């Protein structure tokens, strides 16, 4: 059995998921002191929370790139008779 080849936007989707996960972890770390009653984290920690949105945008760009590559591949092929 062979491994499937990666599509046009697969790498962007993976990178976006990793960046989103880092942003989610930083959001949890930033919000935890609010619930625990300790001192809040510095503003740089709050800015790391924005990585969730950045990761989502990167992943969405990968999905759009995959869709466009799929459409280009479909329209570039000859039509198979009987399909």
C-alpha atoms as a PDB file:
ATOM      1  CA  UNK A   1       0.000   0.000   0.000  1.00  0.00           C
ATOM      2  CA  UNK A   2       1.426   3.382  -0.936  1.00  0.00           C
ATOM      3  CA  UNK A   3       1.062   6.592   0.997  1.00  0.00           C
ATOM      4  CA  UNK A   4      -1.083   9.234  -0.669  1.00  0.00           C
ATOM      5  CA  UNK A   5       0.779  12.172  -2.160  1.00  0.00           C
ATOM      6  CA  UNK A   6       0.226  15.490  -0.468  1.00  0.00           C
ATOM      7  CA  UNK A   7      -2.068  17.893  -2.242  1.00  0.00           C
ATOM      8  CA  UNK A   8      -1.504  21.519  -3.106  1.00  0.00           C
ATOM      9  CA  UNK A   9      -2.664  22.974   0.212  1.00  0.00           C
ATOM     10  CA  UNK A  10      -1.979  20.123   2.619  1.00  0.00           C
ATOM     11  CA  UNK A  11       1.179  21.692   4.016  1.00  0.00           C
ATOM     12  CA  UNK A  12      -0.624  24.991   4.648  1.00  0.00           C
ATOM     13  CA  UNK A  13      -3.425  23.173   6.465  1.00  0.00           C
ATOM     14  CA  UNK A  14      -0.927  21.350   8.687  1.00  0.00           C
ATOM     15  CA  UNK A  15       1.011  24.527   9.475  1.00  0.00           C
ATOM     16  CA  UNK A  16      -2.251  26.347  10.175  1.00  0.00           C
ATOM     17  CA  UNK A  17      -3.343  23.619  12.568  1.00  0.00           C
ATOM     18  CA  UNK A  18      -0.050  23.807  14.462  1.00  0.00           C
ATOM     19  CA  UNK A  19      -0.193  27.612  14.701  1.00  0.00           C
ATOM     20  CA  UNK A  20      -3.835  27.404  15.824  1.00  0.00           C
ATOM     21  CA  UNK A  21      -2.922  24.850  18.498  1.00  0.00           C
ATOM     22  CA  UNK A  22      -0.115  27.078  19.817  1.00  0.00           C
ATOM     23  CA  UNK A  23      -2.576  29.977  19.945  1.00  0.00           C
ATOM     24  CA  UNK A  24      -5.123  27.848  21.780  1.00  0.00           C
ATOM     25  CA  UNK A  25      -2.549  26.807  24.376  1.00  0.00           C
ATOM     26  CA  UNK A  26      -1.483  30.408  24.888  1.00  0.00           C
ATOM     27  CA  UNK A  27      -5.123  31.409  25.290  1.00  0.00           C
ATOM     28  CA  UNK A  28      -5.580  28.801  27.997  1.00  0.00           C
ATOM     29  CA  UNK A  29      -2.394  29.947  29.721  1.00  0.00           C
ATOM     30  CA  UNK A  30      -3.482  33.573  29.508  1.00  0.00           C
ATOM     31  CA  UNK A  31      -6.988  32.975  30.818  1.00  0.00           C
ATOM     32  CA  UNK A  32      -5.954  30.638  33.653  1.00  0.00           C
ATOM     33  CA  UNK A  33      -4.690  33.423  35.979  1.00  0.00           C
ATOM     34  CA  UNK A  34      -8.048  35.170  35.681  1.00  0.00           C
ATOM     35  CA  UNK A  35      -9.840  32.119  37.061  1.00  0.00           C
ATOM     36  CA  UNK A  36      -7.159  31.228  39.591  1.00  0.00           C
ATOM     37  CA  UNK A  37      -6.982  34.710  41.103  1.00  0.00           C
ATOM     38  CA  UNK A  38      -3.274  35.220  40.404  1.00  0.00           C
ATOM     39  CA  UNK A  39      -1.506  38.078  38.649  1.00  0.00           C
ATOM     40  CA  UNK A  40      -2.289  38.335  34.932  1.00  0.00           C
ATOM     41  CA  UNK A  41       0.357  37.542  32.368  1.00  0.00           C
ATOM     42  CA  UNK A  42       2.212  40.329  30.491  1.00  0.00           C
ATOM     43  CA  UNK A  43       0.743  41.797  27.285  1.00  0.00           C
ATOM     44  CA  UNK A  44       3.004  39.681  25.062  1.00  0.00           C
ATOM     45  CA  UNK A  45       1.087  36.625  26.241  1.00  0.00           C
ATOM     46  CA  UNK A  46      -2.169  38.265  25.211  1.00  0.00           C
ATOM     47  CA  UNK A  47      -0.756  38.957  21.754  1.00  0.00           C
ATOM     48  CA  UNK A  48       0.177  35.269  21.383  1.00  0.00           C
ATOM     49  CA  UNK A  49      -3.527  34.482  21.608  1.00  0.00           C
ATOM     50  CA  UNK A  50      -3.893  36.048  18.163  1.00  0.00           C
ATOM     51  CA  UNK A  51      -2.120  33.010  16.742  1.00  0.00           C
ATOM     52  CA  UNK A  52      -5.445  31.178  16.824  1.00  0.00           C
ATOM     53  CA  UNK A  53      -6.842  33.494  14.175  1.00  0.00           C
ATOM     54  CA  UNK A  54      -3.624  33.463  12.170  1.00  0.00           C
ATOM     55  CA  UNK A  55      -3.577  29.665  12.185  1.00  0.00           C
ATOM     56  CA  UNK A  56      -7.191  29.557  11.079  1.00  0.00           C
ATOM     57  CA  UNK A  57      -6.431  31.897   8.170  1.00  0.00           C
ATOM     58  CA  UNK A  58      -3.394  29.826   7.124  1.00  0.00           C
ATOM     59  CA  UNK A  59      -5.453  26.627   7.190  1.00  0.00           C
ATOM     60  CA  UNK A  60      -8.290  28.278   5.256  1.00  0.00           C
ATOM     61  CA  UNK A  61      -5.786  29.421   2.612  1.00  0.00           C
ATOM     62  CA  UNK A  62      -4.599  25.813   2.326  1.00  0.00           C
ATOM     63  CA  UNK A  63      -8.139  24.558   1.835  1.00  0.00           C
ATOM     64  CA  UNK A  64      -8.812  27.184  -0.824  1.00  0.00           C
ATOM     65  CA  UNK A  65      -5.555  26.289  -2.564  1.00  0.00           C
ATOM     66  CA  UNK A  66      -6.520  22.601  -2.564  1.00  0.00           C
ATOM     67  CA  UNK A  67      -9.952  23.381  -3.996  1.00  0.00           C
ATOM     68  CA  UNK A  68      -8.472  25.498  -6.771  1.00  0.00           C
ATOM     69  CA  UNK A  69      -5.925  22.808  -7.619  1.00  0.00           C
ATOM     70  CA  UNK A  70      -8.695  20.213  -7.697  1.00  0.00           C
ATOM     71  CA  UNK A  71     -10.785  22.322 -10.032  1.00  0.00           C
ATOM     72  CA  UNK A  72      -7.831  22.959 -12.320  1.00  0.00           C
ATOM     73  CA  UNK A  73      -7.073  19.237 -12.390  1.00  0.00           C
ATOM     74  CA  UNK A  74     -10.662  18.347 -13.160  1.00  0.00           C
ATOM     75  CA  UNK A  75     -11.084  20.824 -15.987  1.00  0.00           C
ATOM     76  CA  UNK A  76      -7.715  19.942 -17.515  1.00  0.00           C
ATOM     77  CA  UNK A  77      -8.544  16.237 -17.935  1.00  0.00           C
ATOM     78  CA  UNK A  78     -10.283  14.733 -20.908  1.00  0.00           C
ATOM     79  CA  UNK A  79     -13.773  13.462 -20.203  1.00  0.00           C
ATOM     80  CA  UNK A  80     -13.950   9.699 -19.717  1.00  0.00           C
ATOM     81  CA  UNK A  81     -16.718   8.100 -21.794  1.00  0.00           C
ATOM     82  CA  UNK A  82     -19.319   6.224 -19.767  1.00  0.00           C
ATOM     83  CA  UNK A  83     -18.459   7.936 -16.484  1.00  0.00           C
END
